[in-house]
Amino acid sequence: MAKTYKIKTERLIIRCYHPADAPLLQKSVQENVDHLLPWMPWVKQEPETLEIKIKRLRTFRGQFDLDQDYFFGIFNHEENVLVGSTGMHTRIGEGAREIGYWIHKDYINQGYATETVKALTKIGFEIEALDRIEIRCAPENTNSRKIPPKVGYTHEATLKNRDFDSKGKPRDVMIWTLFKEEYFRNPLTSFSLEAYDVVDQLIKY
């Protein structure tokens, strides 16, 4: 079974990070500290040096190649702008992935998160043969929580005090879920994209 390293949609390139992306990632994250900090505690580590970012992206690439976890950068088609970051995370068990995402403050409310989630959902079920995909977010994160229902995910539960915010305070977590059998009854199956493998060959599916 092929593994997807790069996805091309109408407006985006969503691909495995390379260490050479470190300057773009550093710039994008530092421009978004205030925007991201309420929802993503890892932003407390900013500002990080370029050397640390390079090391982080080397780790991401290694995890990707070893099927341990899957981080993607979200780029414009020219790949000179980092629109945001996303992932198909393995932490929820066998045959399942958790999609996470953030979008640069200059590109929010333009449909990029929705386009990204549609793309990852499609490759998750049609190429990676997953059984279940989840999206998790804080109930107060209105920008993030409006994405899953647009793509056919169902609000399955809100878990009390199951996560921590950037100040270490417990907070609730919403779980949105889409199962394989539901996906194949979803209009999303007609979403158009191209998927590429590790040697940049088009994946037929």
Foldseek 3Di string as FASTA:
>chain_A
DFDFAWKFAPWKIKGQDALVCLVQVLVQLVQCLVVCQQWDLVSVPPPDDSVVSSVVSVVQVVCSVVVQWHKIFIATPVRPHGQWIWTFGCVPDPLETEIDIDGRPVCAPVCPVLLVVLRCVLCSCPPVVGFKYKYKGFPVPVSRVVRQVVQPWAFDDKAAQPDAHNVRHGGIMIITMDGNVNNVVGPSNPRDMWTAGPVRHTDDD
